[in-house]
Amino acid sequence: MKLALIHPQIIRGSGVENFLIEFAKRLVAAGHELTYITSLTTPEIGALLPGRWELLPRLKGSATMRMWHFDRVAPRVALAAGVDLSIGFGRTCVQDVHRNGTGCHRLYGNLLPLWQRYSVKHLYELYLERRLYAGRETPKFVTSSARVAAQLQGVYGADGERFRILFPPVESQLFRPAENRANTRELYCRKLQTDAAKPVLLFVSLSHRRRGLEPLLEAMKQNDATLWIVGRNLSPAMRDKIKRLGIGSRVRIVPVTSNLVELYQSADWFVHPTQYDAFSNTVLQSMACGLPGLISVMDGAVDHIRNEENGLMLYHPQQPRELAARIQEALAYDATSWQALSTAARETVLAQTWERHMREWMEVLGE
């Protein structure tokens, strides 16, 4: 099959872009002919992904103008390329299938500061999203969760028959429990200079405000656990907050370049009090490592959580008192109960392989 993959930039970066690269590699391996329509890539990616590259001009200056130009030109290039089907991954309104990897921008926008909500860029993104889902120029949509599909249908009145839900894959051979968890945990606690006798909560984020770090820090006042924060460096205001709360001795900032698998294998609970996420890969990765989680119902990944069977749900993740109570509930689990959650968490995601995901994609494209 001749396929066009459309995205403004095909580079290693966001979850959407990393997914696109792996997806393309597997399409090529399966014998499909690919055309990549983008404005930005790298020599490394060009060498990694064989096929035809259509590099569109990347306008300087305004990000809004770049979105407008790419949305206007990319569909014409896809049509001229003579492909069987086109798949869009970003802010484009015309393609045969659109894969949503970011959720409902209108709902996400409600979490932005006022100055961002009324920026030209944000308003134009809302316009493109409305045109995409309320219009008929794209026949079919793929989302990562039932939650996101329902949100888009509710906000824009889109026909549910146009949606297909394909859960993201997880590499369970890479993300797996440690062979000797006690030893791995002891070594990592020593590396981060934390007390191995205390339970460890793991928080992973590249967007601390949206992912709920502030209420989590406030909730930490109510327990004696250690918190490992993986991701971007903290702002001065966030560091001051930790100091004011008196929890600095129990908080460690871990660089994003650290071995995430070993962190999953060493922690006791994955805490994810996000305000909004389409589908966080970290949820499946932690589950594959046998790390039970406290997962916000505002993340599409909650589709995989069975409360108190393979993890715990956070119903009001932005309320510090409720978050603190849920953490206390988690910390009260004895070793046997924790192990039952750990085993169930991994078993839940074992079926979400890349092989299964690609078969499901072929079924969608075959329709």
Protein backbone atom coordinates (compact mmCIF):
# COMPACT_ATOMS: atom_id res chain seq x y z
CA MET A 1 0.00 0.00 0.00
CA LYS A 2 1.20 3.53 -0.77
CA LEU A 3 0.76 5.73 2.28
CA ALA A 4 1.46 9.37 3.06
CA LEU A 5 2.32 10.35 6.64
CA ILE A 6 1.63 14.02 7.34
CA HIS A 7 3.08 16.01 10.23
CA PRO A 8 4.73 19.46 10.41
CA GLN A 9 7.91 17.99 11.88
CA ILE A 10 9.20 14.44 11.86
CA ILE A 11 11.90 14.56 14.51
CA ARG A 12 12.52 12.89 17.86
CA GLY A 13 10.67 14.94 20.42
CA SER A 14 7.07 14.66 21.56
CA GLY A 15 5.16 11.44 22.10
CA VAL A 16 3.30 11.99 18.83
CA GLU A 17 6.53 12.35 16.87
CA ASN A 18 8.22 9.38 18.51
CA PHE A 19 5.16 7.26 17.78
CA LEU A 20 5.13 8.40 14.14
CA ILE A 21 8.77 7.38 13.65
CA GLU A 22 8.30 3.90 15.12
CA PHE A 23 5.00 3.49 13.23
CA ALA A 24 6.72 4.41 9.95
CA LYS A 25 9.59 1.97 10.59
CA ARG A 26 7.11 -0.85 11.03
CA LEU A 27 5.12 0.13 7.96
CA VAL A 28 8.31 0.05 5.88
CA ALA A 29 9.27 -3.34 7.35
CA ALA A 30 5.84 -4.65 6.35
CA GLY A 31 6.48 -3.65 2.72
CA HIS A 32 4.44 -0.45 2.42
CA GLU A 33 5.67 2.48 0.32
CA LEU A 34 5.77 5.69 2.31
CA THR A 35 5.73 9.36 1.44
CA TYR A 36 6.59 11.72 4.30
CA ILE A 37 5.06 15.19 4.09
CA THR A 38 6.69 17.54 6.58
CA SER A 39 8.48 20.85 7.00
CA LEU A 40 11.21 19.68 9.34
CA THR A 41 13.28 16.55 9.83
CA THR A 42 16.88 15.53 10.45
CA PRO A 43 19.45 13.57 8.41
CA GLU A 44 19.28 10.81 11.02
CA ILE A 45 15.52 10.38 10.57
CA GLY A 46 15.85 10.64 6.79
CA ALA A 47 18.34 7.77 6.79
CA LEU A 48 16.22 5.75 9.22
CA LEU A 49 13.00 6.01 7.24
CA PRO A 50 13.29 5.04 3.56
CA GLY A 51 10.74 6.44 1.17
CA ARG A 52 9.86 9.66 -0.59
CA TRP A 53 10.32 12.89 1.36
CA GLU A 54 8.28 15.98 0.52
CA LEU A 55 9.85 18.83 2.49
CA LEU A 56 7.53 21.81 2.50
CA PRO A 57 8.79 25.35 3.13
CA ARG A 58 8.94 26.17 6.83
CA LEU A 59 7.85 29.77 7.28
CA LYS A 60 9.90 31.89 9.62
CA GLY A 61 8.42 33.83 12.48
CA SER A 62 4.84 33.14 13.55
CA ALA A 63 3.92 29.60 14.62
CA THR A 64 0.34 30.43 13.64
CA MET A 65 1.42 31.24 10.09
CA ARG A 66 3.36 27.98 9.93
CA MET A 67 0.23 26.03 10.98
CA TRP A 68 -1.88 27.88 8.40
CA HIS A 69 0.62 27.27 5.61
CA PHE A 70 1.17 23.58 6.40
CA ASP A 71 -2.57 22.85 6.67
CA ARG A 72 -3.11 24.59 3.34
CA VAL A 73 -0.26 22.96 1.37
CA ALA A 74 0.14 19.43 2.82
CA PRO A 75 -3.17 18.00 1.50
CA ARG A 76 -2.36 19.18 -2.03
CA VAL A 77 1.05 17.50 -1.87
CA ALA A 78 -0.52 14.27 -0.59
CA LEU A 79 -3.01 14.31 -3.47
CA ALA A 80 -0.27 14.91 -6.02
CA ALA A 81 1.85 12.10 -4.55
CA GLY A 82 -0.62 9.51 -5.83
CA VAL A 83 -0.85 7.55 -2.58
CA ASP A 84 -3.62 5.14 -1.65
CA LEU A 85 -4.27 6.75 1.73
CA SER A 86 -2.98 9.67 3.76
CA ILE A 87 -2.62 9.72 7.56
CA GLY A 88 -2.35 12.99 9.48
CA PHE A 89 -0.84 13.35 12.94
CA GLY A 90 -1.04 17.07 13.60
CA ARG A 91 -3.10 20.21 12.93
CA THR A 92 -4.24 19.30 9.43
CA CYS A 93 -7.88 19.12 8.40
CA VAL A 94 -7.73 17.10 5.17
CA GLN A 95 -6.47 13.50 5.13
CA ASP A 96 -8.03 10.05 4.86
CA VAL A 97 -7.33 9.16 8.51
CA HIS A 98 -6.32 11.42 11.38
CA ARG A 99 -4.52 9.94 14.36
CA ASN A 100 -5.19 12.01 17.49
CA GLY A 101 -2.30 11.86 19.93
CA THR A 102 -2.96 15.00 21.96
CA GLY A 103 -6.62 14.82 23.01
CA CYS A 104 -9.23 17.56 22.81
CA HIS A 105 -7.48 20.91 22.56
CA ARG A 106 -10.60 22.80 23.55
CA LEU A 107 -10.73 21.00 26.92
CA TYR A 108 -6.99 21.21 27.39
CA GLY A 109 -7.17 24.93 26.65
CA ASN A 110 -9.35 25.49 29.70
CA LEU A 111 -6.28 24.71 31.82
CA LEU A 112 -4.10 27.37 30.20
CA PRO A 113 -3.45 30.79 31.74
CA LEU A 114 -5.82 33.47 30.45
CA TRP A 115 -3.18 35.14 28.31
CA GLN A 116 -2.58 31.86 26.46
CA ARG A 117 -6.28 31.06 26.03
CA TYR A 118 -6.74 34.25 24.03
CA SER A 119 -3.52 34.10 22.06
CA VAL A 120 -3.78 34.03 18.28
CA LYS A 121 -2.04 30.64 18.16
CA HIS A 122 -4.43 28.99 20.60
CA LEU A 123 -7.52 30.44 18.90
CA TYR A 124 -6.29 29.23 15.52
CA GLU A 125 -5.66 25.76 16.92
CA LEU A 126 -9.25 25.72 18.15
CA TYR A 127 -10.43 26.75 14.69
CA LEU A 128 -8.48 23.90 13.07
CA GLU A 129 -9.76 21.38 15.62
CA ARG A 130 -13.36 22.44 15.04
CA ARG A 131 -12.92 22.26 11.28
CA LEU A 132 -11.35 18.79 11.59
CA TYR A 133 -13.99 17.17 13.79
CA ALA A 134 -17.12 19.12 12.93
CA GLY A 135 -16.41 18.98 9.19
CA ARG A 136 -16.38 16.10 6.73
CA GLU A 137 -13.01 16.58 5.04
CA THR A 138 -11.40 13.76 7.06
CA PRO A 139 -13.50 10.56 6.93
CA LYS A 140 -11.96 8.65 9.85
CA PHE A 141 -10.32 9.32 13.20
CA VAL A 142 -8.09 7.14 15.37
CA THR A 143 -7.80 7.94 19.09
CA SER A 144 -5.81 6.29 21.85
CA SER A 145 -8.69 6.07 24.31
CA ALA A 146 -12.46 5.90 24.55
CA ARG A 147 -12.34 8.96 26.80
CA VAL A 148 -10.81 11.20 24.10
CA ALA A 149 -13.19 9.87 21.45
CA ALA A 150 -16.16 10.69 23.69
CA GLN A 151 -14.80 14.17 24.41
CA LEU A 152 -14.36 15.02 20.74
CA GLN A 153 -17.79 13.69 19.87
CA GLY A 154 -19.38 15.61 22.72
CA VAL A 155 -17.66 18.92 22.00
CA TYR A 156 -17.95 18.89 18.21
CA GLY A 157 -20.91 16.61 17.54
CA ALA A 158 -18.74 14.30 15.45
CA ASP A 159 -20.28 11.02 14.31
CA GLY A 160 -19.11 8.15 16.52
CA GLU A 161 -18.97 5.83 13.50
CA ARG A 162 -15.98 7.79 12.24
CA PHE A 163 -13.87 6.92 15.31
CA ARG A 164 -11.66 3.92 15.94
CA ILE A 165 -9.93 3.39 19.29
CA LEU A 166 -6.45 1.86 19.11
CA PHE A 167 -4.66 1.63 22.45
CA PRO A 168 -0.96 2.57 22.23
CA PRO A 169 1.54 -0.29 22.35
CA VAL A 170 4.12 -0.82 25.07
CA GLU A 171 7.40 -2.69 24.71
CA SER A 172 6.94 -5.11 27.60
CA GLN A 173 10.30 -6.80 26.94
CA LEU A 174 12.02 -3.50 27.68
CA PHE A 175 9.63 -2.31 30.37
CA ARG A 176 9.54 -5.24 32.75
CA PRO A 177 9.93 -5.91 36.48
CA ALA A 178 13.45 -6.19 37.86
CA GLU A 179 14.79 -9.71 38.30
CA ASN A 180 15.78 -8.77 41.82
CA ARG A 181 13.61 -5.82 42.80
CA ALA A 182 14.98 -5.49 46.33
CA ASN A 183 18.55 -5.20 45.05
CA THR A 184 17.62 -2.75 42.26
CA ARG A 185 15.65 -0.63 44.68
CA GLU A 186 18.49 -0.57 47.25
CA LEU A 187 21.02 0.50 44.62
CA TYR A 188 18.81 3.30 43.25
CA CYS A 189 17.92 4.61 46.69
CA ARG A 190 21.63 4.73 47.47
CA LYS A 191 22.30 6.51 44.16
CA LEU A 192 19.68 9.16 44.92
CA GLN A 193 20.66 9.29 48.60
CA THR A 194 17.21 8.44 49.91
CA ASP A 195 16.16 6.16 52.75
CA ALA A 196 15.46 2.69 51.32
CA ALA A 197 13.27 1.95 54.34
CA LYS A 198 10.75 4.58 53.25
CA PRO A 199 8.25 3.99 50.41
CA VAL A 200 9.09 5.74 47.13
CA LEU A 201 6.58 7.63 44.99
CA LEU A 202 7.56 8.26 41.36
CA PHE A 203 6.30 11.27 39.39
CA VAL A 204 7.28 11.61 35.69
CA SER A 205 6.50 14.75 33.73
CA LEU A 206 7.64 17.24 31.11
CA SER A 207 4.80 19.58 32.07
CA HIS A 208 4.74 19.82 35.86
CA ARG A 209 1.84 22.24 36.14
CA ARG A 210 -0.51 20.22 33.94
CA ARG A 211 0.61 16.90 35.40
CA GLY A 212 -0.34 18.00 38.90
CA LEU A 213 2.96 18.44 40.71
CA GLU A 214 1.70 21.32 42.90
CA PRO A 215 -1.13 19.39 44.61
CA LEU A 216 1.17 16.38 44.88
CA LEU A 217 3.75 18.42 46.77
CA GLU A 218 1.06 19.66 49.14
CA ALA A 219 -0.18 16.11 49.64
CA MET A 220 3.36 15.02 50.56
CA LYS A 221 3.01 16.91 53.85
CA GLN A 222 0.63 14.18 55.03
CA ASN A 223 3.00 11.21 54.63
CA ASP A 224 6.57 10.15 55.26
CA ALA A 225 7.31 8.78 51.77
CA THR A 226 10.07 9.83 49.38
CA LEU A 227 9.15 11.53 46.10
CA TRP A 228 11.28 11.16 42.98
CA ILE A 229 10.44 13.81 40.38
CA VAL A 230 11.61 12.88 36.87
CA GLY A 231 11.52 15.45 34.09
CA ARG A 232 12.27 19.08 33.54
CA ASN A 233 14.08 21.06 36.17
CA LEU A 234 11.88 22.80 38.71
CA SER A 235 11.21 26.51 38.58
CA PRO A 236 12.48 28.69 41.46
CA ALA A 237 8.86 29.08 42.63
CA MET A 238 8.42 25.30 42.79
CA ARG A 239 11.68 24.87 44.69
CA ASP A 240 10.56 27.55 47.15
CA LYS A 241 7.29 25.68 47.60
CA ILE A 242 9.13 22.49 48.50
CA LYS A 243 11.19 24.42 51.02
CA ARG A 244 8.13 26.10 52.55
CA LEU A 245 6.35 22.76 52.89
CA GLY A 246 9.35 21.34 54.73
CA ILE A 247 9.62 18.25 52.50
CA GLY A 248 12.95 19.00 50.81
CA SER A 249 14.77 16.12 52.52
CA ARG A 250 12.29 13.65 50.99
CA VAL A 251 12.19 15.04 47.44
CA ARG A 252 14.72 14.23 44.71
CA ILE A 253 14.89 15.82 41.26
CA VAL A 254 15.97 13.22 38.70
CA PRO A 255 17.20 14.26 35.22
CA VAL A 256 15.01 13.18 32.32
CA THR A 257 18.04 11.41 30.84
CA SER A 258 18.03 8.88 33.68
CA ASN A 259 17.17 5.22 33.10
CA LEU A 260 13.38 5.32 33.34
CA VAL A 261 13.06 1.53 33.40
CA GLU A 262 15.20 1.29 36.53
CA LEU A 263 13.21 4.06 38.18
CA TYR A 264 9.96 2.18 37.49
CA GLN A 265 11.55 -0.98 38.86
CA SER A 266 12.75 0.76 42.04
CA ALA A 267 9.73 2.84 43.07
CA ASP A 268 6.76 1.59 45.09
CA TRP A 269 3.99 3.66 43.48
CA PHE A 270 3.64 5.66 40.29
CA VAL A 271 1.70 8.86 41.04
CA HIS A 272 0.03 10.58 38.08
CA PRO A 273 -2.38 13.35 39.18
CA THR A 274 -2.64 14.98 35.75
CA GLN A 275 -5.26 17.60 34.95
CA TYR A 276 -5.49 16.42 31.33
CA ASP A 277 -3.72 13.91 29.09
CA ALA A 278 -4.90 12.14 25.96
CA PHE A 279 -2.94 9.02 26.88
CA SER A 280 0.30 9.03 28.86
CA ASN A 281 2.73 6.36 27.72
CA THR A 282 4.25 6.48 31.20
CA VAL A 283 1.12 4.82 32.59
CA LEU A 284 1.52 1.73 30.39
CA GLN A 285 5.30 1.70 30.86
CA SER A 286 5.03 1.74 34.65
CA MET A 287 2.37 -0.97 34.59
CA ALA A 288 4.56 -3.14 32.34
CA CYS A 289 7.31 -2.81 34.96
CA GLY A 290 4.88 -4.06 37.60
CA LEU A 291 4.66 -0.66 39.28
CA PRO A 292 1.14 0.00 40.59
CA GLY A 293 -0.13 3.51 39.99
CA LEU A 294 -2.42 6.17 41.35
CA ILE A 295 -3.82 7.34 38.02
CA SER A 296 -5.92 10.41 37.34
CA VAL A 297 -9.28 9.83 35.67
CA MET A 298 -8.40 12.87 33.51
CA ASP A 299 -5.97 10.72 31.50
CA GLY A 300 -7.23 8.50 28.69
CA ALA A 301 -4.90 5.80 29.97
CA VAL A 302 -7.35 5.27 32.82
CA ASP A 303 -9.16 2.97 30.36
CA HIS A 304 -6.64 0.35 31.51
CA ILE A 305 -7.11 0.88 35.25
CA ARG A 306 -9.42 -1.33 37.28
CA ASN A 307 -9.66 0.43 40.61
CA GLU A 308 -8.06 -1.52 43.45
CA GLU A 309 -7.38 -4.47 41.12
CA ASN A 310 -4.39 -3.29 39.08
CA GLY A 311 -4.01 0.25 40.42
CA LEU A 312 -5.87 3.08 42.10
CA MET A 313 -7.88 5.83 40.42
CA LEU A 314 -7.57 9.49 41.37
CA TYR A 315 -11.04 10.98 40.94
CA HIS A 316 -10.12 14.55 41.97
CA PRO A 317 -6.37 14.76 41.35
CA GLN A 318 -6.17 18.52 41.86
CA GLN A 319 -7.50 18.39 45.43
CA PRO A 320 -4.49 17.96 47.76
CA ARG A 321 -6.52 16.54 50.66
CA GLU A 322 -8.11 13.83 48.55
CA LEU A 323 -4.80 13.10 46.85
CA ALA A 324 -3.11 12.82 50.24
CA ALA A 325 -5.81 10.42 51.46
CA ARG A 326 -5.40 8.26 48.36
CA ILE A 327 -1.64 8.15 48.82
CA GLN A 328 -2.10 7.11 52.45
CA GLU A 329 -4.43 4.35 51.28
CA ALA A 330 -1.76 3.15 48.84
CA LEU A 331 0.99 3.25 51.45
CA ALA A 332 -1.15 1.09 53.76
CA TYR A 333 -1.01 -1.88 51.35
CA ASP A 334 0.96 -4.79 52.77
CA ALA A 335 3.54 -6.65 50.67
CA THR A 336 1.11 -9.37 49.56
CA SER A 337 -1.59 -6.92 48.46
CA TRP A 338 0.97 -4.72 46.70
CA GLN A 339 2.35 -7.72 44.82
CA ALA A 340 -1.15 -8.67 43.65
CA LEU A 341 -1.59 -5.17 42.19
CA SER A 342 1.87 -5.33 40.64
CA THR A 343 1.20 -8.65 38.92
CA ALA A 344 -2.22 -7.53 37.67
CA ALA A 345 -0.80 -4.25 36.34
CA ARG A 346 1.75 -6.03 34.16
CA GLU A 347 -0.70 -8.69 32.98
CA THR A 348 -3.13 -5.93 31.94
CA VAL A 349 -0.75 -4.42 29.37
CA LEU A 350 1.02 -7.52 28.05
CA ALA A 351 -1.45 -7.77 25.17
CA GLN A 352 -0.69 -4.21 24.00
CA THR A 353 2.13 -5.16 21.64
CA TRP A 354 3.31 -3.36 18.52
CA GLU A 355 2.35 -6.43 16.47
CA ARG A 356 -1.24 -6.20 17.67
CA HIS A 357 -1.28 -2.45 17.18
CA MET A 358 -0.13 -2.73 13.56
CA ARG A 359 -2.74 -5.40 12.81
CA GLU A 360 -5.42 -3.07 14.15
CA TRP A 361 -4.09 -0.25 11.99
CA MET A 362 -4.26 -2.45 8.90
CA GLU A 363 -7.88 -3.19 9.71
CA VAL A 364 -8.62 0.53 9.96
CA LEU A 365 -6.85 1.30 6.67
CA GLY A 366 -8.60 -1.65 5.02
CA GLU A 367 -11.98 -0.17 5.84
